[in-house]
C-alpha atoms as a PDB file:
ATOM      1  CA  MET A   1     -63.341-136.353 106.835  1.00  0.00           C
ATOM      2  CA  SER A   2     -64.561-139.930 106.752  1.00  0.00           C
ATOM      3  CA  PHE A   3     -64.194-140.058 110.547  1.00  0.00           C
ATOM      4  CA  PHE A   4     -66.579-137.131 111.080  1.00  0.00           C
ATOM      5  CA  ARG A   5     -69.015-138.614 108.601  1.00  0.00           C
ATOM      6  CA  LYS A   6     -69.006-141.905 110.419  1.00  0.00           C
ATOM      7  CA  LYS A   7     -69.464-140.119 113.749  1.00  0.00           C
ATOM      8  CA  SER A   8     -72.427-138.165 112.398  1.00  0.00           C
ATOM      9  CA  LEU A   9     -74.034-141.265 111.002  1.00  0.00           C
ATOM     10  CA  PHE A  10     -73.533-142.973 114.347  1.00  0.00           C
ATOM     11  CA  ILE A  11     -75.202-140.110 116.228  1.00  0.00           C
ATOM     12  CA  ILE A  12     -78.142-140.096 113.803  1.00  0.00           C
ATOM     13  CA  LEU A  13     -78.524-143.826 114.127  1.00  0.00           C
ATOM     14  CA  VAL A  14     -78.465-143.630 117.939  1.00  0.00           C
ATOM     15  CA  GLY A  15     -81.076-140.865 117.796  1.00  0.00           C
ATOM     16  CA  ILE A  16     -83.309-142.950 115.547  1.00  0.00           C
ATOM     17  CA  ILE A  17     -82.963-145.928 117.871  1.00  0.00           C
ATOM     18  CA  LEU A  18     -83.840-143.784 120.920  1.00  0.00           C
ATOM     19  CA  LEU A  19     -86.808-142.314 119.094  1.00  0.00           C
ATOM     20  CA  VAL A  20     -88.064-145.771 118.170  1.00  0.00           C
ATOM     21  CA  VAL A  21     -87.613-146.887 121.769  1.00  0.00           C
ATOM     22  CA  PHE A  22     -89.544-143.877 123.118  1.00  0.00           C
ATOM     23  CA  VAL A  23     -92.326-144.392 120.582  1.00  0.00           C
ATOM     24  CA  GLY A  24     -92.502-148.037 121.343  1.00  0.00           C
ATOM     25  CA  TYR A  25     -92.557-147.319 125.056  1.00  0.00           C
ATOM     26  CA  SER A  26     -95.310-144.824 124.616  1.00  0.00           C
ATOM     27  CA  LEU A  27     -97.401-147.203 122.530  1.00  0.00           C
ATOM     28  CA  SER A  28     -96.920-149.989 125.022  1.00  0.00           C
ATOM     29  CA  ASN A  29     -98.011-147.776 128.018  1.00  0.00           C
ATOM     30  CA  LYS A  30    -101.028-145.840 126.716  1.00  0.00           C
ATOM     31  CA  GLY A  31    -102.593-145.534 130.179  1.00  0.00           C
ATOM     32  CA  ASP A  32     -99.503-144.020 131.746  1.00  0.00           C
ATOM     33  CA  LEU A  33     -97.748-140.883 130.629  1.00  0.00           C
ATOM     34  CA  SER A  34     -94.038-140.730 130.433  1.00  0.00           C
ATOM     35  CA  THR A  35     -92.080-138.227 132.456  1.00  0.00           C
ATOM     36  CA  PRO A  36     -91.411-135.979 129.438  1.00  0.00           C
ATOM     37  CA  GLU A  37     -95.091-136.145 128.448  1.00  0.00           C
ATOM     38  CA  LYS A  38     -96.168-135.268 131.957  1.00  0.00           C
ATOM     39  CA  PHE A  39     -93.760-132.368 132.028  1.00  0.00           C
ATOM     40  CA  PHE A  40     -94.969-131.170 128.636  1.00  0.00           C
ATOM     41  CA  LYS A  41     -98.661-131.454 129.528  1.00  0.00           C
ATOM     42  CA  ASP A  42     -98.150-129.803 132.915  1.00  0.00           C
ATOM     43  CA  THR A  43     -96.276-126.947 131.270  1.00  0.00           C
ATOM     44  CA  VAL A  44     -98.947-126.509 128.605  1.00  0.00           C
ATOM     45  CA  GLY A  45    -101.729-126.731 131.222  1.00  0.00           C
ATOM     46  CA  TRP A  46    -100.091-124.124 133.450  1.00  0.00           C
ATOM     47  CA  VAL A  47     -99.629-121.764 130.485  1.00  0.00           C
ATOM     48  CA  GLN A  48    -103.257-122.300 129.440  1.00  0.00           C
ATOM     49  CA  ASN A  49    -104.456-121.633 132.974  1.00  0.00           C
ATOM     50  CA  VAL A  50    -102.400-118.435 133.210  1.00  0.00           C
ATOM     51  CA  ILE A  51    -103.815-117.242 129.894  1.00  0.00           C
ATOM     52  CA  ASP A  52    -107.366-118.502 130.447  1.00  0.00           C
ATOM     53  CA  GLN A  53    -108.060-116.764 133.778  1.00  0.00           C
ATOM     54  CA  PRO A  54    -107.480-113.179 132.556  1.00  0.00           C
ATOM     55  CA  VAL A  55    -109.330-113.914 129.327  1.00  0.00           C
ATOM     56  CA  THR A  56    -112.274-115.413 131.230  1.00  0.00           C
ATOM     57  CA  PHE A  57    -112.302-112.472 133.674  1.00  0.00           C
ATOM     58  CA  PHE A  58    -112.207-110.000 130.792  1.00  0.00           C
ATOM     59  CA  VAL A  59    -115.030-111.764 128.924  1.00  0.00           C
ATOM     60  CA  GLN A  60    -117.181-111.942 132.082  1.00  0.00           C
ATOM     61  CA  THR A  61    -116.501-108.272 132.841  1.00  0.00           C
ATOM     62  CA  ILE A  62    -117.546-107.257 129.318  1.00  0.00           C
ATOM     63  CA  SER A  63    -120.640-109.433 129.655  1.00  0.00           C
ATOM     64  CA  ASN A  64    -121.520-107.903 133.041  1.00  0.00           C
ATOM     65  CA  ILE A  65    -121.048-104.389 131.679  1.00  0.00           C
ATOM     66  CA  GLU A  66    -123.343-105.239 128.783  1.00  0.00           C
ATOM     67  CA  ASP A  67    -125.947-106.652 131.192  1.00  0.00           C
ATOM     68  CA  ILE A  68    -125.733-103.515 133.353  1.00  0.00           C
ATOM     69  CA  LYS A  69    -126.133-101.305 130.287  1.00  0.00           C
ATOM     70  CA  ASN A  70    -129.142-103.320 129.126  1.00  0.00           C
ATOM     71  CA  THR A  71    -130.651-103.126 132.619  1.00  0.00           C
ATOM     72  CA  TYR A  72    -130.062 -99.364 132.749  1.00  0.00           C
ATOM     73  CA  ASP A  73    -131.703 -98.919 129.325  1.00  0.00           C
ATOM     74  CA  GLU A  74    -134.658-101.053 130.388  1.00  0.00           C
ATOM     75  CA  ASN A  75    -135.059 -99.118 133.659  1.00  0.00           C
ATOM     76  CA  LYS A  76    -134.850 -95.823 131.789  1.00  0.00           C
ATOM     77  CA  LEU A  77    -137.549 -96.992 129.379  1.00  0.00           C
ATOM     78  CA  LEU A  78    -139.717 -98.193 132.270  1.00  0.00           C
ATOM     79  CA  ARG A  79    -139.298 -94.875 134.100  1.00  0.00           C
ATOM     80  CA  GLU A  80    -140.367 -93.027 130.962  1.00  0.00           C
ATOM     81  CA  LYS A  81    -143.389 -95.290 130.583  1.00  0.00           C
ATOM     82  CA  ILE A  82    -144.328 -94.815 134.250  1.00  0.00           C
ATOM     83  CA  ALA A  83    -143.960 -91.023 133.890  1.00  0.00           C
ATOM     84  CA  GLU A  84    -146.174 -91.104 130.787  1.00  0.00           C
ATOM     85  CA  TYR A  85    -148.720 -93.225 132.640  1.00  0.00           C
ATOM     86  CA  LYS A  86    -148.772 -90.869 135.625  1.00  0.00           C
ATOM     87  CA  THR A  87    -149.168 -87.908 133.271  1.00  0.00           C
ATOM     88  CA  LEU A  88    -152.083 -89.609 131.525  1.00  0.00           C
ATOM     89  CA  VAL A  89    -153.719 -90.455 134.848  1.00  0.00           C
ATOM     90  CA  TYR A  90    -153.311 -86.838 135.996  1.00  0.00           C
ATOM     91  CA  GLU A  91    -154.688 -85.507 132.698  1.00  0.00           C
ATOM     92  CA  VAL A  92    -157.681 -87.856 132.885  1.00  0.00           C
ATOM     93  CA  GLN A  93    -158.369 -86.782 136.465  1.00  0.00           C
ATOM     94  CA  GLU A  94    -158.121 -83.113 135.502  1.00  0.00           C
ATOM     95  CA  LEU A  95    -160.431 -83.643 132.507  1.00  0.00           C
ATOM     96  CA  GLU A  96    -162.960 -85.485 134.669  1.00  0.00           C
ATOM     97  CA  LYS A  97    -162.786 -82.709 137.245  1.00  0.00           C
ATOM     98  CA  GLU A  98    -163.184 -80.017 134.588  1.00  0.00           C
ATOM     99  CA  ASN A  99    -166.090 -81.876 132.963  1.00  0.00           C
ATOM    100  CA  GLU A 100    -167.820 -82.165 136.324  1.00  0.00           C
ATOM    101  CA  GLU A 101    -167.300 -78.443 136.933  1.00  0.00           C
ATOM    102  CA  LEU A 102    -168.653 -77.560 133.478  1.00  0.00           C
ATOM    103  CA  ARG A 103    -171.698 -79.794 133.998  1.00  0.00           C
ATOM    104  CA  LYS A 104    -172.442 -78.005 137.262  1.00  0.00           C
ATOM    105  CA  MET A 105    -172.059 -74.651 135.496  1.00  0.00           C
ATOM    106  CA  LEU A 106    -174.568 -75.766 132.850  1.00  0.00           C
ATOM    107  CA  ASP A 107    -176.960 -76.804 135.615  1.00  0.00           C
ATOM    108  CA  ILE A 108    -176.686 -73.306 137.097  1.00  0.00           C
ATOM    109  CA  VAL A 109    -177.275 -71.730 133.682  1.00  0.00           C
ATOM    110  CA  ASP A 110    -180.289 -73.944 132.990  1.00  0.00           C
ATOM    111  CA  SER A 111    -181.823 -73.484 136.441  1.00  0.00           C
ATOM    112  CA  SER A 112    -184.288 -70.705 137.129  1.00  0.00           C
ATOM    113  CA  ARG A 113    -182.402 -67.879 138.886  1.00  0.00           C
ATOM    114  CA  ASP A 114    -182.838 -64.160 139.320  1.00  0.00           C
ATOM    115  CA  PHE A 115    -179.753 -63.272 137.267  1.00  0.00           C
ATOM    116  CA  GLU A 116    -178.233 -63.748 133.829  1.00  0.00           C
ATOM    117  CA  PRO A 117    -175.005 -65.818 134.012  1.00  0.00           C
ATOM    118  CA  ILE A 118    -171.934 -64.823 131.996  1.00  0.00           C
ATOM    119  CA  LEU A 119    -169.529 -67.753 131.705  1.00  0.00           C
ATOM    120  CA  ALA A 120    -165.805 -66.967 131.814  1.00  0.00           C
ATOM    121  CA  SER A 121    -162.409 -68.588 132.363  1.00  0.00           C
ATOM    122  CA  VAL A 122    -159.488 -67.389 134.461  1.00  0.00           C
ATOM    123  CA  ILE A 123    -156.584 -66.381 132.213  1.00  0.00           C
ATOM    124  CA  ALA A 124    -154.170 -64.856 134.749  1.00  0.00           C
ATOM    125  CA  ARG A 125    -153.399 -64.885 138.441  1.00  0.00           C
ATOM    126  CA  SER A 126    -150.551 -62.954 139.994  1.00  0.00           C
ATOM    127  CA  PRO A 127    -148.499 -65.061 142.452  1.00  0.00           C
ATOM    128  CA  GLU A 128    -147.883 -62.111 144.758  1.00  0.00           C
ATOM    129  CA  ARG A 129    -151.629 -61.369 144.867  1.00  0.00           C
ATOM    130  CA  TRP A 130    -152.816 -64.978 144.826  1.00  0.00           C
ATOM    131  CA  LEU A 131    -155.654 -64.435 147.302  1.00  0.00           C
ATOM    132  CA  GLU A 132    -156.660 -61.036 146.006  1.00  0.00           C
ATOM    133  CA  GLN A 133    -157.237 -60.888 142.244  1.00  0.00           C
ATOM    134  CA  VAL A 134    -157.719 -62.963 139.089  1.00  0.00           C
ATOM    135  CA  THR A 135    -158.218 -61.925 135.470  1.00  0.00           C
ATOM    136  CA  ILE A 136    -161.010 -63.430 133.363  1.00  0.00           C
ATOM    137  CA  ASN A 137    -161.525 -63.552 129.591  1.00  0.00           C
ATOM    138  CA  ARG A 138    -164.788 -61.594 129.514  1.00  0.00           C
ATOM    139  CA  GLY A 139    -165.208 -57.814 129.490  1.00  0.00           C
ATOM    140  CA  SER A 140    -167.584 -55.023 128.564  1.00  0.00           C
ATOM    141  CA  ASN A 141    -168.146 -56.519 125.107  1.00  0.00           C
ATOM    142  CA  HIS A 142    -169.696 -59.519 126.863  1.00  0.00           C
ATOM    143  CA  GLY A 143    -171.864 -57.536 129.263  1.00  0.00           C
ATOM    144  CA  VAL A 144    -169.506 -57.562 132.242  1.00  0.00           C
ATOM    145  CA  GLU A 145    -169.708 -54.486 134.457  1.00  0.00           C
ATOM    146  CA  LYS A 146    -167.905 -53.285 137.552  1.00  0.00           C
ATOM    147  CA  ASN A 147    -169.154 -54.590 140.941  1.00  0.00           C
ATOM    148  CA  MET A 148    -170.914 -57.613 139.438  1.00  0.00           C
ATOM    149  CA  ALA A 149    -170.726 -60.661 141.680  1.00  0.00           C
ATOM    150  CA  VAL A 150    -168.518 -63.533 140.524  1.00  0.00           C
ATOM    151  CA  MET A 151    -168.940 -67.168 141.574  1.00  0.00           C
ATOM    152  CA  THR A 152    -167.838 -70.700 140.790  1.00  0.00           C
ATOM    153  CA  VAL A 153    -170.014 -73.803 140.892  1.00  0.00           C
ATOM    154  CA  ASP A 154    -169.230 -74.035 144.609  1.00  0.00           C
ATOM    155  CA  GLY A 155    -170.038 -70.495 145.649  1.00  0.00           C
ATOM    156  CA  MET A 156    -169.247 -66.799 145.520  1.00  0.00           C
ATOM    157  CA  ILE A 157    -165.590 -65.824 145.082  1.00  0.00           C
ATOM    158  CA  GLY A 158    -165.705 -62.036 144.704  1.00  0.00           C
ATOM    159  CA  LYS A 159    -166.760 -59.150 142.504  1.00  0.00           C
ATOM    160  CA  VAL A 160    -165.651 -57.447 139.296  1.00  0.00           C
ATOM    161  CA  ASN A 161    -163.163 -54.729 140.204  1.00  0.00           C
ATOM    162  CA  SER A 162    -162.276 -53.305 136.773  1.00  0.00           C
ATOM    163  CA  VAL A 163    -163.367 -53.954 133.184  1.00  0.00           C
ATOM    164  CA  SER A 164    -161.793 -53.636 129.747  1.00  0.00           C
ATOM    165  CA  THR A 165    -163.384 -54.512 126.417  1.00  0.00           C
ATOM    166  CA  SER A 166    -162.397 -58.184 126.477  1.00  0.00           C
ATOM    167  CA  THR A 167    -161.140 -58.892 130.012  1.00  0.00           C
ATOM    168  CA  ALA A 168    -161.996 -58.066 133.600  1.00  0.00           C
ATOM    169  CA  THR A 169    -160.242 -58.119 136.965  1.00  0.00           C
ATOM    170  CA  VAL A 170    -162.021 -59.917 139.792  1.00  0.00           C
ATOM    171  CA  GLN A 171    -161.442 -58.885 143.410  1.00  0.00           C
ATOM    172  CA  LEU A 172    -161.583 -62.077 145.463  1.00  0.00           C
ATOM    173  CA  ILE A 173    -163.474 -62.092 148.767  1.00  0.00           C
ATOM    174  CA  THR A 174    -160.241 -63.243 150.425  1.00  0.00           C
ATOM    175  CA  GLY A 175    -158.892 -59.815 149.513  1.00  0.00           C
ATOM    176  CA  PHE A 176    -161.923 -57.865 150.778  1.00  0.00           C
ATOM    177  CA  ASP A 177    -161.638 -55.314 153.581  1.00  0.00           C
ATOM    178  CA  HIS A 178    -164.127 -53.172 155.525  1.00  0.00           C
ATOM    179  CA  LEU A 179    -164.682 -51.082 152.375  1.00  0.00           C
ATOM    180  CA  ASN A 180    -165.812 -54.131 150.398  1.00  0.00           C
ATOM    181  CA  ARG A 181    -168.570 -55.650 152.491  1.00  0.00           C
ATOM    182  CA  ILE A 182    -171.052 -58.301 151.446  1.00  0.00           C
ATOM    183  CA  SER A 183    -174.557 -58.431 152.867  1.00  0.00           C
ATOM    184  CA  ALA A 184    -175.006 -62.006 154.018  1.00  0.00           C
ATOM    185  CA  THR A 185    -177.334 -64.181 156.007  1.00  0.00           C
ATOM    186  CA  ILE A 186    -177.466 -67.562 157.676  1.00  0.00           C
ATOM    187  CA  SER A 187    -180.482 -68.916 155.857  1.00  0.00           C
ATOM    188  CA  ARG A 188    -182.662 -71.378 157.766  1.00  0.00           C
ATOM    189  CA  LYS A 189    -185.652 -73.404 156.648  1.00  0.00           C
ATOM    190  CA  ASP A 190    -187.821 -72.168 159.506  1.00  0.00           C
ATOM    191  CA  GLY A 191    -187.232 -68.555 158.439  1.00  0.00           C
ATOM    192  CA  ASP A 192    -185.277 -67.743 161.582  1.00  0.00           C
ATOM    193  CA  ASN A 193    -182.467 -66.179 159.540  1.00  0.00           C
ATOM    194  CA  ILE A 194    -179.492 -64.314 160.981  1.00  0.00           C
ATOM    195  CA  PHE A 195    -178.208 -61.269 159.102  1.00  0.00           C
ATOM    196  CA  GLY A 196    -174.721 -59.825 159.004  1.00  0.00           C
ATOM    197  CA  LEU A 197    -171.845 -58.572 156.877  1.00  0.00           C
ATOM    198  CA  ILE A 198    -168.759 -60.250 155.437  1.00  0.00           C
ATOM    199  CA  GLU A 199    -166.080 -57.718 156.405  1.00  0.00           C
ATOM    200  CA  GLY A 200    -162.780 -59.177 155.340  1.00  0.00           C
ATOM    201  CA  TYR A 201    -160.563 -62.212 155.519  1.00  0.00           C
ATOM    202  CA  ASP A 202    -158.418 -63.493 158.365  1.00  0.00           C
ATOM    203  CA  LYS A 203    -155.280 -64.973 156.779  1.00  0.00           C
ATOM    204  CA  LYS A 204    -154.227 -66.643 160.009  1.00  0.00           C
ATOM    205  CA  GLU A 205    -157.550 -68.441 160.426  1.00  0.00           C
ATOM    206  CA  LYS A 206    -157.960 -68.804 156.640  1.00  0.00           C
ATOM    207  CA  ALA A 207    -161.565 -67.743 157.038  1.00  0.00           C
ATOM    208  CA  LEU A 208    -163.897 -64.864 156.188  1.00  0.00           C
ATOM    209  CA  ILE A 209    -165.013 -62.519 158.985  1.00  0.00           C
ATOM    210  CA  PHE A 210    -168.799 -62.505 159.371  1.00  0.00           C
ATOM    211  CA  ARG A 211    -170.091 -59.810 161.733  1.00  0.00           C
ATOM    212  CA  ILE A 212    -173.635 -60.245 163.041  1.00  0.00           C
ATOM    213  CA  ILE A 213    -175.463 -56.904 162.790  1.00  0.00           C
ATOM    214  CA  GLU A 214    -178.637 -57.777 164.692  1.00  0.00           C
ATOM    215  CA  GLU A 215    -178.996 -58.206 168.416  1.00  0.00           C
ATOM    216  CA  SER A 216    -180.331 -61.666 168.868  1.00  0.00           C
ATOM    217  CA  ASP A 217    -180.242 -64.620 171.183  1.00  0.00           C
ATOM    218  CA  LYS A 218    -180.319 -66.970 168.242  1.00  0.00           C
ATOM    219  CA  LYS A 219    -177.658 -69.628 168.499  1.00  0.00           C
ATOM    220  CA  ILE A 220    -175.261 -70.029 165.615  1.00  0.00           C
ATOM    221  CA  LYS A 221    -174.024 -73.526 164.955  1.00  0.00           C
ATOM    222  CA  GLU A 222    -170.904 -74.696 163.205  1.00  0.00           C
ATOM    223  CA  ASP A 223    -171.252 -75.752 159.546  1.00  0.00           C
ATOM    224  CA  GLU A 224    -174.328 -73.568 159.014  1.00  0.00           C
ATOM    225  CA  LEU A 225    -174.401 -72.135 155.501  1.00  0.00           C
ATOM    226  CA  VAL A 226    -173.858 -68.403 154.931  1.00  0.00           C
ATOM    227  CA  VAL A 227    -175.303 -67.026 151.673  1.00  0.00           C
ATOM    228  CA  SER A 228    -175.443 -63.640 150.022  1.00  0.00           C
ATOM    229  CA  SER A 229    -178.305 -61.244 150.732  1.00  0.00           C
ATOM    230  CA  ASN A 230    -179.832 -58.788 148.268  1.00  0.00           C
ATOM    231  CA  VAL A 231    -179.857 -56.046 150.921  1.00  0.00           C
ATOM    232  CA  GLY A 232    -178.319 -53.020 149.194  1.00  0.00           C
ATOM    233  CA  GLY A 233    -179.164 -54.348 145.744  1.00  0.00           C
ATOM    234  CA  LEU A 234    -175.573 -55.094 144.769  1.00  0.00           C
ATOM    235  CA  TYR A 235    -175.650 -58.882 144.840  1.00  0.00           C
ATOM    236  CA  PRO A 236    -178.425 -61.403 144.280  1.00  0.00           C
ATOM    237  CA  SER A 237    -179.560 -63.422 147.256  1.00  0.00           C
ATOM    238  CA  GLY A 238    -178.774 -67.067 147.815  1.00  0.00           C
ATOM    239  CA  LEU A 239    -175.215 -67.270 146.480  1.00  0.00           C
ATOM    240  CA  PRO A 240    -173.289 -69.660 148.772  1.00  0.00           C
ATOM    241  CA  ILE A 241    -170.418 -67.905 150.525  1.00  0.00           C
ATOM    242  CA  GLY A 242    -169.206 -70.285 153.193  1.00  0.00           C
ATOM    243  CA  THR A 243    -169.944 -72.317 156.294  1.00  0.00           C
ATOM    244  CA  ILE A 244    -169.612 -71.281 159.936  1.00  0.00           C
ATOM    245  CA  LYS A 245    -166.265 -72.381 161.311  1.00  0.00           C
ATOM    246  CA  GLU A 246    -166.264 -70.677 164.723  1.00  0.00           C
ATOM    247  CA  VAL A 247    -168.330 -68.096 166.631  1.00  0.00           C
ATOM    248  CA  LEU A 248    -166.607 -65.442 168.750  1.00  0.00           C
ATOM    249  CA  PRO A 249    -168.790 -63.233 171.038  1.00  0.00           C
ATOM    250  CA  ASP A 250    -167.344 -59.840 171.893  1.00  0.00           C
ATOM    251  CA  GLN A 251    -166.319 -58.887 175.428  1.00  0.00           C
ATOM    252  CA  TYR A 252    -169.677 -57.255 176.134  1.00  0.00           C
ATOM    253  CA  GLY A 253    -171.763 -60.044 174.653  1.00  0.00           C
ATOM    254  CA  LEU A 254    -173.753 -57.612 172.503  1.00  0.00           C
ATOM    255  CA  THR A 255    -172.540 -58.616 169.050  1.00  0.00           C
ATOM    256  CA  LYS A 256    -171.083 -61.735 167.577  1.00  0.00           C
ATOM    257  CA  THR A 257    -168.399 -62.409 165.023  1.00  0.00           C
ATOM    258  CA  ALA A 258    -168.032 -65.681 163.186  1.00  0.00           C
ATOM    259  CA  TYR A 259    -165.292 -67.183 161.076  1.00  0.00           C
ATOM    260  CA  VAL A 260    -166.647 -68.485 157.781  1.00  0.00           C
ATOM    261  CA  GLU A 261    -164.818 -71.024 155.666  1.00  0.00           C
ATOM    262  CA  PRO A 262    -165.425 -70.289 151.934  1.00  0.00           C
ATOM    263  CA  THR A 263    -167.352 -72.962 150.066  1.00  0.00           C
ATOM    264  CA  ALA A 264    -165.353 -72.252 146.903  1.00  0.00           C
ATOM    265  CA  ASN A 265    -161.734 -73.332 146.597  1.00  0.00           C
ATOM    266  CA  MET A 266    -159.963 -69.984 146.487  1.00  0.00           C
ATOM    267  CA  TYR A 267    -156.649 -71.586 145.531  1.00  0.00           C
ATOM    268  CA  GLU A 268    -157.935 -73.302 142.402  1.00  0.00           C
ATOM    269  CA  ILE A 269    -160.205 -71.143 140.261  1.00  0.00           C
ATOM    270  CA  ASN A 270    -160.487 -72.069 136.574  1.00  0.00           C
ATOM    271  CA  HIS A 271    -164.027 -71.336 135.387  1.00  0.00           C
ATOM    272  CA  VAL A 272    -166.322 -68.670 136.831  1.00  0.00           C
ATOM    273  CA  ILE A 273    -169.795 -67.222 136.410  1.00  0.00           C
ATOM    274  CA  VAL A 274    -170.274 -63.467 136.374  1.00  0.00           C
ATOM    275  CA  VAL A 275    -173.690 -62.612 137.828  1.00  0.00           C
ATOM    276  CA  ASP A 276    -175.547 -60.101 135.652  1.00  0.00           C
ATOM    277  CA  ARG A 277    -178.482 -58.718 137.642  1.00  0.00           C
ATOM    278  CA  SER A 278    -179.562 -56.163 135.031  1.00  0.00           C
ATOM    279  CA  LEU A 279    -182.440 -58.382 133.918  1.00  0.00           C
ATOM    280  CA  ASP A 280    -183.645 -58.834 137.490  1.00  0.00           C
ATOM    281  CA  ILE A 281    -183.402 -55.093 138.230  1.00  0.00           C
ATOM    282  CA  TYR A 282    -185.361 -54.327 135.071  1.00  0.00           C
ATOM    283  CA  ASP A 283    -188.080 -56.780 136.081  1.00  0.00           C
ATOM    284  CA  GLU A 284    -188.300 -55.300 139.590  1.00  0.00           C
ATOM    285  CA  THR A 285    -188.552 -51.747 138.192  1.00  0.00           C
ATOM    286  CA  ALA A 286    -191.247 -52.767 135.738  1.00  0.00           C
ATOM    287  CA  GLN A 287    -193.164 -54.507 138.512  1.00  0.00           C
ATOM    288  CA  LYS A 288    -193.039 -51.391 140.722  1.00  0.00           C
ATOM    289  CA  GLU A 289    -194.262 -49.213 137.820  1.00  0.00           C
ATOM    290  CA  GLU A 290    -197.208 -51.539 137.281  1.00  0.00           C
ATOM    291  CA  GLU A 291    -198.104 -51.338 140.949  1.00  0.00           C
END
């Protein structure tokens, strides 16, 4: 028993001596690492490197995902702002356009004309009959009657086809046929007018058909203005209808037909004026009675 105790004490003593030697060696060579220290540091460094790379990659990936999400949110917000801006710009443009149209309508109302204007707005337009009919928010209660001429600030667009108490259907001139003719004239300052009839609409040419009814050698030029005539008493004279687009003489050279481009935008009709000629007819009748 004493032998094993002595052996144990000897081993402990040798261990202490070796420890002191290693410590002393380490303290005496601070600039140089011992082989065990190098091994330990290299092992720890390798382990740290193995652990650090995945951790760094994971952290960078999370950071990149967060940056992408923030960028996406910012882009989404910017797109919404741009859409709102475009909407506001469009609304402002539409309001300016509508205000300009309403100002022109007021000018027509205030000007001296041979008819009483009835202001109305388009409330319906059938897609399948886009170039034929529109419905307005004025009817018999407002003085609207069948066959009254209807115009916009740019020119004549048609006539009243049917009337109810509070609404009316307008037959557009682009839907006219030979049964719905308009007496018209090319009005010139020198009085050398040319008379004819609007007899329909050519969808291929996108123009009204203006047939000259008088035999004449008068030359018709492009862009000349065609206006309504009061021949027949249905419409007042002077309502702009369109401008000459092309003149087509017939094969015998006796009559002429012209394509007329409408002055009014037939695809965008919002506000209209119904032409009430009852006042003018009354004045003409009274004048004839006095004579």
